[in-house]
Amino acid sequence: MSDFDTMDLEDRHGDSEINNNMELMGKIVQGRLMKAPVLANILMAAWKTRAPFQVDEWGSNVVHFRFEDAEDRCNVMQEGPWSVMSNLMVLLPLMDGMVISKLQFNTCPFWVQVHGLTVEKMRKANAESIGKWFGKLLALETSPNIMLLARSFLRARVEIDINNPLLMGFWMKGKEDFSRGRWISFKYENLPEYCYACRRVSHGQRSCKNISREEGEKSGYGPDLRTGRAKKGSILIEEIQREVMEEEGRANNLIQRRPKNIASGSGTHVDNNTSERMNQLGLVQDL
């Protein structure tokens, strides 16, 4: 067989043992991967699934999860992020066209709380604008009313690039031009251990290569960005990106099946109107 010969391979059909609605891929970002039975016991207690699930080790801290109940899989994705022994575990849905060795576990969804806003700023439009500032807004808490006063903070689910520093907050403009305004802080629900030196989740402080050890000791960062999951209530959650992500997945599958190589860029898309909208709302970012 020459290097230029081609071969047709069989696709899986509806009666295949593999079902995308029952599968997840995961990677423990820091630390060493523990044995599958131990990992399964830890996650069974954390996930509280209705049915058992299977865990397979794939090497390089990558694991494969196979669920028996589709609702269990859905709940695991929606209730994340999850950590194992204080180390973040990034989960990805398994889809046709994926090449396991090329999967990128660089992003993870987090619920972010926005603290310090004045009452008149507690609006859905502001929650949406702040959420989009992170790059990709996935969901947000909302209300039939204009004002969101069921909590003392706004809450949005966003996609975080774990290789970038976590955003700490921003200054909200005051009425006077010379006033720096009010500091609005972010808190990340279920945030695992992260590097206090450079605010990245992708590694611990001991292995930080982004800044010097002396700079890291003087950074002033600590556990203030971390908080627990907000209590569930009757507050409505509006999903923003599910349909968009499903369409992107279908499009990517079609592109990968084409016979020609098509180069495509990747990265987090930032809404071009975000800065303008935040200025209109009286919000400014502090980089």
Protein backbone atom coordinates (compact mmCIF):
# COMPACT_ATOMS: atom_id res chain seq x y z
CA MET A 1 0.00 0.00 0.00
CA SER A 2 1.46 3.36 -1.03
CA ASP A 3 1.39 6.52 1.07
CA PHE A 4 -1.25 7.98 -1.25
CA ASP A 5 -3.77 5.17 -1.21
CA THR A 6 -7.14 5.82 0.39
CA MET A 7 -9.44 3.64 2.42
CA ASP A 8 -13.08 3.92 3.36
CA LEU A 9 -13.84 3.12 6.99
CA GLU A 10 -17.18 2.26 8.48
CA ASP A 11 -19.08 4.88 10.47
CA ARG A 12 -20.97 3.89 13.55
CA HIS A 13 -24.72 3.54 13.24
CA GLY A 14 -27.70 3.94 15.53
CA ASP A 15 -27.17 0.54 17.09
CA SER A 16 -23.57 1.33 18.05
CA GLU A 17 -22.50 0.92 21.67
CA ILE A 18 -21.27 4.52 21.62
CA ASN A 19 -23.90 7.22 22.17
CA ASN A 20 -22.89 10.87 22.19
CA ASN A 21 -25.67 11.65 24.66
CA MET A 22 -24.08 9.25 27.15
CA GLU A 23 -20.39 10.11 26.71
CA LEU A 24 -18.02 12.68 28.17
CA MET A 25 -14.27 13.23 27.94
CA GLY A 26 -12.47 14.68 30.94
CA LYS A 27 -9.02 15.86 31.90
CA ILE A 28 -7.59 16.58 35.33
CA VAL A 29 -5.60 19.75 34.70
CA GLN A 30 -3.22 19.52 37.65
CA GLY A 31 -1.84 16.59 39.58
CA ARG A 32 -1.64 12.96 38.60
CA LEU A 33 -4.55 10.90 37.38
CA MET A 34 -5.66 8.35 39.94
CA LYS A 35 -6.83 4.85 39.09
CA ALA A 36 -10.25 4.56 37.47
CA PRO A 37 -11.97 2.76 40.41
CA VAL A 38 -10.76 5.38 42.90
CA LEU A 39 -11.78 8.24 40.60
CA ALA A 40 -15.19 6.64 40.02
CA ASN A 41 -15.83 6.36 43.78
CA ILE A 42 -14.91 10.01 44.36
CA LEU A 43 -17.10 11.25 41.51
CA MET A 44 -20.01 8.98 42.37
CA ALA A 45 -20.18 10.66 45.77
CA ALA A 46 -19.84 14.14 44.23
CA TRP A 47 -22.15 13.68 41.25
CA LYS A 48 -24.85 11.65 43.04
CA THR A 49 -25.95 10.03 39.77
CA ARG A 50 -29.10 7.96 39.61
CA ALA A 51 -27.38 5.22 37.61
CA PRO A 52 -23.80 3.89 37.55
CA PHE A 53 -21.25 5.20 35.07
CA GLN A 54 -18.04 3.78 33.64
CA VAL A 55 -14.61 5.42 33.82
CA ASP A 56 -11.80 4.53 31.39
CA GLU A 57 -8.24 5.85 31.62
CA TRP A 58 -6.90 7.11 28.27
CA GLY A 59 -3.51 8.40 29.42
CA SER A 60 -2.12 11.95 29.85
CA ASN A 61 -4.68 12.62 32.62
CA VAL A 62 -7.51 12.12 30.09
CA VAL A 63 -10.47 9.94 31.04
CA HIS A 64 -13.59 8.73 29.25
CA PHE A 65 -16.98 8.62 30.99
CA ARG A 66 -19.88 6.48 29.80
CA PHE A 67 -23.21 7.09 31.50
CA GLU A 68 -26.24 4.82 31.65
CA ASP A 69 -28.63 7.72 32.20
CA ALA A 70 -28.66 10.70 29.83
CA GLU A 71 -30.02 12.98 32.56
CA ASP A 72 -27.04 12.11 34.76
CA ARG A 73 -24.68 13.23 32.00
CA CYS A 74 -26.65 16.46 31.50
CA ASN A 75 -26.62 17.25 35.23
CA VAL A 76 -22.87 16.64 35.47
CA MET A 77 -22.23 19.13 32.66
CA GLN A 78 -24.61 21.76 34.05
CA GLU A 79 -23.51 21.51 37.69
CA GLY A 80 -19.79 21.87 36.99
CA PRO A 81 -17.03 22.78 37.23
CA TRP A 82 -15.72 19.82 39.22
CA SER A 83 -12.43 19.25 40.94
CA VAL A 84 -10.65 16.12 42.14
CA MET A 85 -8.36 16.53 45.16
CA SER A 86 -8.56 20.33 44.61
CA ASN A 87 -7.49 19.92 40.95
CA LEU A 88 -9.78 21.17 38.19
CA MET A 89 -11.32 18.56 35.91
CA VAL A 90 -12.38 19.92 32.51
CA LEU A 91 -15.21 18.05 30.78
CA LEU A 92 -16.02 17.99 27.06
CA PRO A 93 -18.96 16.37 25.25
CA LEU A 94 -17.98 13.56 22.90
CA MET A 95 -19.00 14.29 19.31
CA ASP A 96 -18.51 12.70 15.91
CA GLY A 97 -15.42 13.95 14.10
CA MET A 98 -13.34 14.36 17.24
CA VAL A 99 -9.73 13.14 17.35
CA ILE A 100 -9.07 12.27 20.98
CA SER A 101 -5.34 13.03 20.85
CA LYS A 102 -6.08 16.55 19.57
CA LEU A 103 -8.73 17.53 22.10
CA GLN A 104 -8.09 20.90 23.74
CA PHE A 105 -9.10 21.14 27.41
CA ASN A 106 -8.39 24.87 27.58
CA THR A 107 -11.80 26.23 28.53
CA CYS A 108 -14.19 25.49 31.36
CA PRO A 109 -17.61 26.95 32.28
CA PHE A 110 -17.95 28.77 35.61
CA TRP A 111 -20.77 30.56 37.36
CA VAL A 112 -19.47 34.04 38.19
CA GLN A 113 -21.01 36.25 40.85
CA VAL A 114 -20.86 40.03 40.38
CA HIS A 115 -20.72 41.81 43.73
CA GLY A 116 -20.92 45.49 44.66
CA LEU A 117 -23.42 46.81 42.12
CA THR A 118 -25.81 49.54 43.15
CA VAL A 119 -29.51 48.69 43.03
CA GLU A 120 -30.23 50.54 39.78
CA LYS A 121 -27.50 48.50 38.04
CA MET A 122 -29.03 45.13 39.01
CA ARG A 123 -30.46 44.51 35.55
CA LYS A 124 -30.47 41.67 33.06
CA ALA A 125 -28.85 43.87 30.40
CA ASN A 126 -25.92 44.52 32.73
CA ALA A 127 -25.57 40.83 33.62
CA GLU A 128 -25.47 40.03 29.90
CA SER A 129 -22.88 42.72 29.11
CA ILE A 130 -20.62 41.68 31.98
CA GLY A 131 -20.96 38.02 31.00
CA LYS A 132 -19.96 38.73 27.41
CA TRP A 133 -16.90 40.59 28.63
CA PHE A 134 -15.47 37.20 29.65
CA GLY A 135 -15.70 36.07 26.01
CA LYS A 136 -18.59 33.61 25.79
CA LEU A 137 -21.77 33.94 27.82
CA LEU A 138 -23.47 30.57 28.40
CA ALA A 139 -26.34 31.40 30.74
CA LEU A 140 -27.52 33.96 33.26
CA GLU A 141 -30.01 34.34 36.04
CA THR A 142 -32.99 36.39 35.02
CA SER A 143 -36.40 37.52 36.16
CA PRO A 144 -39.76 38.46 34.62
CA ASN A 145 -39.09 41.92 36.02
CA ILE A 146 -36.49 44.36 34.75
CA MET A 147 -34.64 44.42 38.06
CA LEU A 148 -32.79 41.35 39.40
CA LEU A 149 -33.17 41.72 43.16
CA ALA A 150 -33.69 38.10 44.22
CA ARG A 151 -30.01 38.12 45.27
CA SER A 152 -27.56 40.80 46.35
CA PHE A 153 -25.40 40.03 43.29
CA LEU A 154 -25.75 39.27 39.59
CA ARG A 155 -24.88 35.79 38.39
CA ALA A 156 -23.75 34.61 34.93
CA ARG A 157 -22.31 31.37 33.58
CA VAL A 158 -19.37 32.03 31.30
CA GLU A 159 -16.64 30.11 29.52
CA ILE A 160 -13.22 30.70 31.08
CA ASP A 161 -9.90 30.18 29.29
CA ILE A 162 -7.88 28.51 32.07
CA ASN A 163 -4.61 29.66 30.46
CA ASN A 164 -5.51 33.32 30.98
CA PRO A 165 -5.51 35.22 34.30
CA LEU A 166 -8.84 35.24 36.09
CA LEU A 167 -10.59 38.59 35.94
CA MET A 168 -10.91 40.17 39.39
CA GLY A 169 -13.50 42.84 38.61
CA PHE A 170 -13.79 46.38 37.27
CA TRP A 171 -14.39 49.97 38.32
CA MET A 172 -17.92 51.26 37.80
CA LYS A 173 -17.89 54.90 36.77
CA GLY A 174 -19.10 57.47 39.24
CA LYS A 175 -21.30 60.43 38.42
CA GLU A 176 -18.33 62.81 38.47
CA ASP A 177 -15.79 62.44 35.67
CA PHE A 178 -12.88 62.73 38.09
CA SER A 179 -14.19 59.95 40.34
CA ARG A 180 -12.71 56.50 39.77
CA GLY A 181 -16.01 55.04 40.88
CA ARG A 182 -17.02 51.89 42.74
CA TRP A 183 -15.06 48.63 42.64
CA ILE A 184 -17.16 45.70 41.39
CA SER A 185 -15.69 42.32 42.28
CA PHE A 186 -16.03 38.86 40.74
CA LYS A 187 -16.29 35.59 42.63
CA TYR A 188 -16.07 32.20 40.89
CA GLU A 189 -18.28 29.40 42.15
CA ASN A 190 -16.55 26.05 42.77
CA LEU A 191 -13.20 27.51 41.78
CA PRO A 192 -10.50 24.92 42.59
CA GLU A 193 -6.92 25.64 43.57
CA TYR A 194 -5.34 28.19 41.26
CA CYS A 195 -2.05 30.05 41.02
CA TYR A 196 -2.08 33.01 43.43
CA ALA A 197 0.96 34.39 41.61
CA CYS A 198 -0.64 34.91 38.18
CA ARG A 199 -4.37 34.06 38.70
CA ARG A 200 -4.37 31.11 36.27
CA VAL A 201 -6.24 27.86 36.91
CA SER A 202 -4.05 25.83 34.57
CA HIS A 203 -1.29 25.31 37.16
CA GLY A 204 -0.37 25.70 40.81
CA GLN A 205 1.75 28.44 42.32
CA ARG A 206 4.76 26.18 42.77
CA SER A 207 4.92 25.49 39.03
CA CYS A 208 4.23 29.06 37.84
CA LYS A 209 6.45 30.09 34.94
CA ASN A 210 4.66 33.32 34.07
CA ILE A 211 6.20 35.57 36.72
CA SER A 212 9.16 35.36 39.05
CA ARG A 213 8.90 33.88 42.52
CA GLU A 214 9.48 37.27 44.13
CA GLU A 215 6.72 38.87 42.06
CA GLY A 216 4.39 36.01 42.96
CA GLU A 217 4.98 36.45 46.67
CA LYS A 218 4.06 40.13 46.35
CA SER A 219 1.06 39.60 44.05
CA GLY A 220 -1.48 39.96 46.84
CA TYR A 221 -3.82 37.41 45.26
CA GLY A 222 -5.46 34.78 47.41
CA PRO A 223 -8.69 32.84 47.97
CA ASP A 224 -10.92 35.92 47.65
CA LEU A 225 -11.96 34.94 44.11
CA ARG A 226 -13.33 31.62 45.34
CA THR A 227 -16.87 31.01 46.58
CA GLY A 228 -19.32 28.13 46.93
CA ARG A 229 -22.25 27.37 44.67
CA ALA A 230 -25.15 29.79 45.13
CA LYS A 231 -28.23 28.27 46.69
CA LYS A 232 -30.85 27.13 44.23
CA GLY A 233 -34.20 28.81 44.35
CA SER A 234 -37.04 29.90 42.12
CA ILE A 235 -34.77 32.19 40.09
CA LEU A 236 -35.01 31.59 36.36
CA ILE A 237 -31.92 30.62 34.36
CA GLU A 238 -31.76 31.67 30.72
CA GLU A 239 -29.44 29.57 28.58
CA ILE A 240 -27.66 31.63 25.94
CA GLN A 241 -25.22 29.36 24.12
CA ARG A 242 -26.62 25.80 24.06
CA GLU A 243 -28.23 26.06 20.61
CA VAL A 244 -25.25 28.00 19.25
CA MET A 245 -22.80 25.38 20.55
CA GLU A 246 -24.84 22.53 19.07
CA GLU A 247 -24.86 24.22 15.67
CA GLU A 248 -21.11 24.86 15.89
CA GLY A 249 -20.59 21.19 16.69
CA ARG A 250 -22.59 20.09 13.66
CA ALA A 251 -20.71 22.54 11.44
CA ASN A 252 -17.32 21.34 12.72
CA ASN A 253 -18.29 17.75 12.02
CA LEU A 254 -19.20 18.62 8.43
CA ILE A 255 -15.94 20.52 7.93
CA GLN A 256 -13.85 17.63 9.24
CA ARG A 257 -15.56 15.21 6.87
CA ARG A 258 -14.70 17.25 3.78
CA PRO A 259 -12.00 15.75 1.52
CA LYS A 260 -10.02 18.99 1.36
CA ASN A 261 -8.01 20.44 4.22
CA ILE A 262 -9.63 23.64 5.38
CA ALA A 263 -7.69 25.87 7.78
CA SER A 264 -9.83 27.49 10.41
CA GLY A 265 -8.89 29.80 13.22
CA SER A 266 -9.91 29.16 16.81
CA GLY A 267 -10.16 31.18 19.94
CA THR A 268 -12.61 32.96 22.15
CA HIS A 269 -14.95 35.32 20.33
CA VAL A 270 -15.56 38.62 22.05
CA ASP A 271 -18.66 40.57 21.15
CA ASN A 272 -17.58 43.75 19.34
CA ASN A 273 -20.36 45.67 21.04
CA THR A 274 -19.33 44.72 24.57
CA SER A 275 -17.10 47.73 25.27
CA GLU A 276 -19.61 50.15 23.80
CA ARG A 277 -22.48 48.63 25.77
CA MET A 278 -20.53 48.70 29.02
CA ASN A 279 -19.72 52.36 28.48
CA GLN A 280 -23.40 53.05 27.91
CA LEU A 281 -24.21 51.27 31.16
CA GLY A 282 -21.56 53.21 33.03
CA LEU A 283 -19.24 50.23 33.45
CA VAL A 284 -15.53 50.31 32.76
CA GLN A 285 -13.01 47.51 33.01
CA ASP A 286 -9.84 47.65 35.05
CA LEU A 287 -7.10 45.69 33.33
